[in-house]
Amino acid sequence: MSTLIWKLRQWGRVLGGAGVAGLVALLFALLIQLTQVATLNTTAAEQRTRLATLEAAARTAEVLPAAPANPLASLPPTGEAARLVGELERLARAHGLALPRGQYSVSSVDVANIRHWRVVLPLEADYPTLHAFLAAALERQSNLSLDELKLTRERIEMDKLQGEIRLSLFVEAAR
């Protein structure tokens, strides 16, 4: 043991005070690096296990039914249009959107047996609220499409923006 201490003192004299401080700092950094790598390896192993679990669940997941050969066959009947528009307005209120008034117009599509509802909704909201509303509306109603989105903001520092959403709602026409 005394030989080890003597050799360390000799190295200390050769390196000097700054060299010993640098060597201690290097050893400390190496120790920290090794502990971080061990932590990251543990995290990576957990993520690999979770990925394997998710992949297995995806393989055993229920296969979605095939889309109908004629997509027009899945359109709701004309009588459902008012309920669908009401659902759209309830969804907007649930997301905190201020919809002062809406404009609705209906037209028939000549080539197909469908009715085209044009819905124009003025709004006042912030970006996340608007995005959440549009994503939820388009996900819930497969017969709804976003035609136009106009956004304005009076000053750059304002969170709220004013705008107008133009949506199309397609329903089956009465026979």
C-alpha atoms as a PDB file:
ATOM      1  CA  MET A   1       0.000   0.000   0.000  1.00  0.00           C
ATOM      2  CA  SER A   2       2.832   2.380   0.807  1.00  0.00           C
ATOM      3  CA  THR A   3       4.310   1.735  -2.655  1.00  0.00           C
ATOM      4  CA  LEU A   4       1.003   2.802  -4.261  1.00  0.00           C
ATOM      5  CA  ILE A   5       0.908   5.990  -2.208  1.00  0.00           C
ATOM      6  CA  TRP A   6       4.551   6.725  -3.090  1.00  0.00           C
ATOM      7  CA  LYS A   7       3.802   6.270  -6.851  1.00  0.00           C
ATOM      8  CA  LEU A   8       0.735   8.521  -6.622  1.00  0.00           C
ATOM      9  CA  ARG A   9       2.858  11.241  -4.941  1.00  0.00           C
ATOM     10  CA  GLN A  10       5.474  10.915  -7.695  1.00  0.00           C
ATOM     11  CA  TRP A  11       2.788  11.329 -10.368  1.00  0.00           C
ATOM     12  CA  GLY A  12       1.398  14.286  -8.423  1.00  0.00           C
ATOM     13  CA  ARG A  13       4.830  15.982  -8.447  1.00  0.00           C
ATOM     14  CA  VAL A  14       5.227  15.333 -12.188  1.00  0.00           C
ATOM     15  CA  LEU A  15       1.752  16.574 -13.080  1.00  0.00           C
ATOM     16  CA  GLY A  16       1.621  19.515 -10.705  1.00  0.00           C
ATOM     17  CA  GLY A  17      -1.456  20.932  -9.000  1.00  0.00           C
ATOM     18  CA  ALA A  18      -3.279  21.785 -12.226  1.00  0.00           C
ATOM     19  CA  GLY A  19      -2.551  18.367 -13.705  1.00  0.00           C
ATOM     20  CA  VAL A  20      -3.881  16.557 -10.621  1.00  0.00           C
ATOM     21  CA  ALA A  21      -7.028  18.745 -10.667  1.00  0.00           C
ATOM     22  CA  GLY A  22      -7.503  17.930 -14.371  1.00  0.00           C
ATOM     23  CA  LEU A  23      -7.033  14.216 -13.726  1.00  0.00           C
ATOM     24  CA  VAL A  24      -9.596  14.291 -10.891  1.00  0.00           C
ATOM     25  CA  ALA A  25     -12.030  16.191 -13.141  1.00  0.00           C
ATOM     26  CA  LEU A  26     -11.481  13.630 -15.920  1.00  0.00           C
ATOM     27  CA  LEU A  27     -12.156  10.723 -13.556  1.00  0.00           C
ATOM     28  CA  PHE A  28     -15.266  12.462 -12.222  1.00  0.00           C
ATOM     29  CA  ALA A  29     -16.578  13.063 -15.765  1.00  0.00           C
ATOM     30  CA  LEU A  30     -15.896   9.424 -16.642  1.00  0.00           C
ATOM     31  CA  LEU A  31     -17.857   8.285 -13.583  1.00  0.00           C
ATOM     32  CA  ILE A  32     -20.815  10.505 -14.499  1.00  0.00           C
ATOM     33  CA  GLN A  33     -20.709   9.290 -18.107  1.00  0.00           C
ATOM     34  CA  LEU A  34     -20.767   5.652 -17.051  1.00  0.00           C
ATOM     35  CA  THR A  35     -23.775   6.177 -14.767  1.00  0.00           C
ATOM     36  CA  GLN A  36     -25.682   8.032 -17.492  1.00  0.00           C
ATOM     37  CA  VAL A  37     -24.968   5.320 -20.048  1.00  0.00           C
ATOM     38  CA  ALA A  38     -26.259   2.690 -17.632  1.00  0.00           C
ATOM     39  CA  THR A  39     -29.455   4.701 -17.109  1.00  0.00           C
ATOM     40  CA  LEU A  40     -29.920   5.156 -20.859  1.00  0.00           C
ATOM     41  CA  ASN A  41     -29.361   1.448 -21.463  1.00  0.00           C
ATOM     42  CA  THR A  42     -32.075   0.655 -18.923  1.00  0.00           C
ATOM     43  CA  THR A  43     -34.463   3.112 -20.582  1.00  0.00           C
ATOM     44  CA  ALA A  44     -33.695   1.690 -24.024  1.00  0.00           C
ATOM     45  CA  ALA A  45     -34.368  -1.839 -22.784  1.00  0.00           C
ATOM     46  CA  GLU A  46     -37.725  -0.738 -21.333  1.00  0.00           C
ATOM     47  CA  GLN A  47     -38.648   0.945 -24.613  1.00  0.00           C
ATOM     48  CA  ARG A  48     -37.700  -2.161 -26.616  1.00  0.00           C
ATOM     49  CA  THR A  49     -39.929  -4.242 -24.341  1.00  0.00           C
ATOM     50  CA  ARG A  50     -42.808  -1.788 -24.757  1.00  0.00           C
ATOM     51  CA  LEU A  51     -42.310  -1.735 -28.522  1.00  0.00           C
ATOM     52  CA  ALA A  52     -42.441  -5.526 -28.651  1.00  0.00           C
ATOM     53  CA  THR A  53     -45.662  -5.467 -26.604  1.00  0.00           C
ATOM     54  CA  LEU A  54     -47.243  -2.867 -28.902  1.00  0.00           C
ATOM     55  CA  GLU A  55     -46.194  -4.763 -32.026  1.00  0.00           C
ATOM     56  CA  ALA A  56     -47.716  -7.961 -30.639  1.00  0.00           C
ATOM     57  CA  ALA A  57     -50.927  -6.090 -29.821  1.00  0.00           C
ATOM     58  CA  ALA A  58     -51.006  -4.613 -33.329  1.00  0.00           C
ATOM     59  CA  ARG A  59     -50.631  -8.057 -34.902  1.00  0.00           C
ATOM     60  CA  THR A  60     -53.503  -9.460 -32.858  1.00  0.00           C
ATOM     61  CA  ALA A  61     -55.657  -6.339 -33.246  1.00  0.00           C
ATOM     62  CA  GLU A  62     -58.966  -6.650 -34.965  1.00  0.00           C
ATOM     63  CA  VAL A  63     -58.771  -5.982 -38.685  1.00  0.00           C
ATOM     64  CA  LEU A  64     -60.855  -2.995 -39.732  1.00  0.00           C
ATOM     65  CA  PRO A  65     -63.759  -3.764 -42.049  1.00  0.00           C
ATOM     66  CA  ALA A  66     -63.142  -2.996 -45.683  1.00  0.00           C
ATOM     67  CA  ALA A  67     -64.550   0.217 -47.054  1.00  0.00           C
ATOM     68  CA  PRO A  68     -67.816  -0.234 -48.902  1.00  0.00           C
ATOM     69  CA  ALA A  69     -67.547  -0.595 -52.666  1.00  0.00           C
ATOM     70  CA  ASN A  70     -69.761   2.460 -53.065  1.00  0.00           C
ATOM     71  CA  PRO A  71     -68.878   5.177 -50.510  1.00  0.00           C
ATOM     72  CA  LEU A  72     -72.143   6.966 -51.254  1.00  0.00           C
ATOM     73  CA  ALA A  73     -73.970   4.022 -49.712  1.00  0.00           C
ATOM     74  CA  SER A  74     -72.569   4.920 -46.286  1.00  0.00           C
ATOM     75  CA  LEU A  75     -73.955   8.477 -46.310  1.00  0.00           C
ATOM     76  CA  PRO A  76     -76.590   9.254 -43.683  1.00  0.00           C
ATOM     77  CA  PRO A  77     -80.130  10.049 -44.918  1.00  0.00           C
ATOM     78  CA  THR A  78     -81.251  13.636 -45.492  1.00  0.00           C
ATOM     79  CA  GLY A  79     -83.266  13.624 -42.267  1.00  0.00           C
ATOM     80  CA  GLU A  80     -80.029  13.271 -40.296  1.00  0.00           C
ATOM     81  CA  ALA A  81     -78.518  16.521 -41.661  1.00  0.00           C
ATOM     82  CA  ALA A  82     -80.020  18.792 -39.001  1.00  0.00           C
ATOM     83  CA  ARG A  83     -78.829  16.438 -36.258  1.00  0.00           C
ATOM     84  CA  LEU A  84     -75.317  16.344 -37.767  1.00  0.00           C
ATOM     85  CA  VAL A  85     -75.150  20.149 -37.968  1.00  0.00           C
ATOM     86  CA  GLY A  86     -76.382  20.361 -34.364  1.00  0.00           C
ATOM     87  CA  GLU A  87     -73.726  17.849 -33.329  1.00  0.00           C
ATOM     88  CA  LEU A  88     -71.114  19.994 -35.075  1.00  0.00           C
ATOM     89  CA  GLU A  89     -72.243  23.068 -33.124  1.00  0.00           C
ATOM     90  CA  ARG A  90     -72.263  21.132 -29.824  1.00  0.00           C
ATOM     91  CA  LEU A  91     -68.753  19.922 -30.565  1.00  0.00           C
ATOM     92  CA  ALA A  92     -67.650  23.523 -31.190  1.00  0.00           C
ATOM     93  CA  ARG A  93     -69.135  24.640 -27.861  1.00  0.00           C
ATOM     94  CA  ALA A  94     -67.499  21.676 -26.090  1.00  0.00           C
ATOM     95  CA  HIS A  95     -64.123  22.832 -27.416  1.00  0.00           C
ATOM     96  CA  GLY A  96     -64.775  26.401 -26.251  1.00  0.00           C
ATOM     97  CA  LEU A  97     -65.280  27.927 -29.693  1.00  0.00           C
ATOM     98  CA  ALA A  98     -67.364  31.062 -29.891  1.00  0.00           C
ATOM     99  CA  LEU A  99     -69.669  30.694 -32.906  1.00  0.00           C
ATOM    100  CA  PRO A 100     -71.765  33.879 -33.088  1.00  0.00           C
ATOM    101  CA  ARG A 101     -73.878  32.791 -36.070  1.00  0.00           C
ATOM    102  CA  GLY A 102     -73.775  30.273 -38.876  1.00  0.00           C
ATOM    103  CA  GLN A 103     -74.882  30.228 -42.479  1.00  0.00           C
ATOM    104  CA  TYR A 104     -76.284  27.051 -43.980  1.00  0.00           C
ATOM    105  CA  SER A 105     -77.272  26.276 -47.543  1.00  0.00           C
ATOM    106  CA  VAL A 106     -78.369  23.077 -49.215  1.00  0.00           C
ATOM    107  CA  SER A 107     -78.021  22.021 -52.820  1.00  0.00           C
ATOM    108  CA  SER A 108     -78.520  18.812 -54.740  1.00  0.00           C
ATOM    109  CA  VAL A 109     -75.703  17.171 -56.646  1.00  0.00           C
ATOM    110  CA  ASP A 110     -77.029  16.314 -60.103  1.00  0.00           C
ATOM    111  CA  VAL A 111     -74.800  13.346 -60.859  1.00  0.00           C
ATOM    112  CA  ALA A 112     -75.442  11.518 -57.603  1.00  0.00           C
ATOM    113  CA  ASN A 113     -78.323  11.040 -55.243  1.00  0.00           C
ATOM    114  CA  ILE A 114     -76.829  13.280 -52.542  1.00  0.00           C
ATOM    115  CA  ARG A 115     -77.416  16.648 -50.929  1.00  0.00           C
ATOM    116  CA  HIS A 116     -74.558  19.029 -50.266  1.00  0.00           C
ATOM    117  CA  TRP A 117     -74.861  21.169 -47.131  1.00  0.00           C
ATOM    118  CA  ARG A 118     -72.519  24.157 -47.056  1.00  0.00           C
ATOM    119  CA  VAL A 119     -71.840  25.315 -43.516  1.00  0.00           C
ATOM    120  CA  VAL A 120     -70.106  28.655 -42.894  1.00  0.00           C
ATOM    121  CA  LEU A 121     -69.140  29.250 -39.272  1.00  0.00           C
ATOM    122  CA  PRO A 122     -67.514  32.488 -38.127  1.00  0.00           C
ATOM    123  CA  LEU A 123     -65.333  31.918 -35.098  1.00  0.00           C
ATOM    124  CA  GLU A 124     -63.165  33.475 -32.453  1.00  0.00           C
ATOM    125  CA  ALA A 125     -60.624  31.152 -30.810  1.00  0.00           C
ATOM    126  CA  ASP A 126     -56.952  30.386 -30.322  1.00  0.00           C
ATOM    127  CA  TYR A 127     -54.945  27.992 -32.518  1.00  0.00           C
ATOM    128  CA  PRO A 128     -54.980  24.911 -30.239  1.00  0.00           C
ATOM    129  CA  THR A 129     -58.734  25.135 -29.670  1.00  0.00           C
ATOM    130  CA  LEU A 130     -59.423  25.524 -33.388  1.00  0.00           C
ATOM    131  CA  HIS A 131     -57.121  22.631 -34.273  1.00  0.00           C
ATOM    132  CA  ALA A 132     -58.719  20.352 -31.663  1.00  0.00           C
ATOM    133  CA  PHE A 133     -62.222  21.192 -32.892  1.00  0.00           C
ATOM    134  CA  LEU A 134     -61.414  20.595 -36.556  1.00  0.00           C
ATOM    135  CA  ALA A 135     -59.604  17.327 -35.827  1.00  0.00           C
ATOM    136  CA  ALA A 136     -62.498  16.026 -33.703  1.00  0.00           C
ATOM    137  CA  ALA A 137     -65.173  17.122 -36.195  1.00  0.00           C
ATOM    138  CA  LEU A 138     -63.450  15.598 -39.213  1.00  0.00           C
ATOM    139  CA  GLU A 139     -62.738  12.398 -37.303  1.00  0.00           C
ATOM    140  CA  ARG A 140     -66.294  11.938 -36.020  1.00  0.00           C
ATOM    141  CA  GLN A 141     -68.139  12.752 -39.219  1.00  0.00           C
ATOM    142  CA  SER A 142     -66.724  10.967 -42.239  1.00  0.00           C
ATOM    143  CA  ASN A 143     -69.166  12.792 -44.524  1.00  0.00           C
ATOM    144  CA  LEU A 144     -67.761  16.192 -43.485  1.00  0.00           C
ATOM    145  CA  SER A 145     -64.995  18.010 -45.352  1.00  0.00           C
ATOM    146  CA  LEU A 146     -63.107  21.221 -44.717  1.00  0.00           C
ATOM    147  CA  ASP A 147     -63.433  23.499 -47.742  1.00  0.00           C
ATOM    148  CA  GLU A 148     -61.868  26.741 -46.571  1.00  0.00           C
ATOM    149  CA  LEU A 149     -60.316  28.246 -43.472  1.00  0.00           C
ATOM    150  CA  LYS A 150     -59.815  32.017 -43.204  1.00  0.00           C
ATOM    151  CA  LEU A 151     -57.953  33.352 -40.177  1.00  0.00           C
ATOM    152  CA  THR A 152     -57.145  36.925 -39.150  1.00  0.00           C
ATOM    153  CA  ARG A 153     -55.508  38.467 -36.117  1.00  0.00           C
ATOM    154  CA  GLU A 154     -55.555  42.184 -35.410  1.00  0.00           C
ATOM    155  CA  ARG A 155     -52.189  42.308 -33.642  1.00  0.00           C
ATOM    156  CA  ILE A 156     -49.399  39.739 -33.588  1.00  0.00           C
ATOM    157  CA  GLU A 157     -49.366  39.495 -29.792  1.00  0.00           C
ATOM    158  CA  MET A 158     -53.046  38.507 -29.589  1.00  0.00           C
ATOM    159  CA  ASP A 159     -53.812  34.876 -28.755  1.00  0.00           C
ATOM    160  CA  LYS A 160     -57.341  34.946 -30.131  1.00  0.00           C
ATOM    161  CA  LEU A 161     -57.976  35.012 -33.819  1.00  0.00           C
ATOM    162  CA  GLN A 162     -61.059  35.689 -35.825  1.00  0.00           C
ATOM    163  CA  GLY A 163     -61.929  33.622 -38.818  1.00  0.00           C
ATOM    164  CA  GLU A 164     -64.366  31.687 -40.867  1.00  0.00           C
ATOM    165  CA  ILE A 165     -64.648  27.955 -41.459  1.00  0.00           C
ATOM    166  CA  ARG A 166     -66.372  26.629 -44.561  1.00  0.00           C
ATOM    167  CA  LEU A 167     -67.407  23.003 -44.290  1.00  0.00           C
ATOM    168  CA  SER A 168     -69.286  20.648 -46.585  1.00  0.00           C
ATOM    169  CA  LEU A 169     -71.638  18.026 -45.228  1.00  0.00           C
ATOM    170  CA  PHE A 170     -72.877  15.353 -47.600  1.00  0.00           C
ATOM    171  CA  VAL A 171     -76.046  13.337 -46.968  1.00  0.00           C
ATOM    172  CA  GLU A 172     -78.108  10.962 -49.064  1.00  0.00           C
ATOM    173  CA  ALA A 173     -80.996  12.666 -50.829  1.00  0.00           C
ATOM    174  CA  ALA A 174     -84.529  11.454 -50.213  1.00  0.00           C
ATOM    175  CA  ARG A 175     -85.750   9.075 -52.900  1.00  0.00           C
END
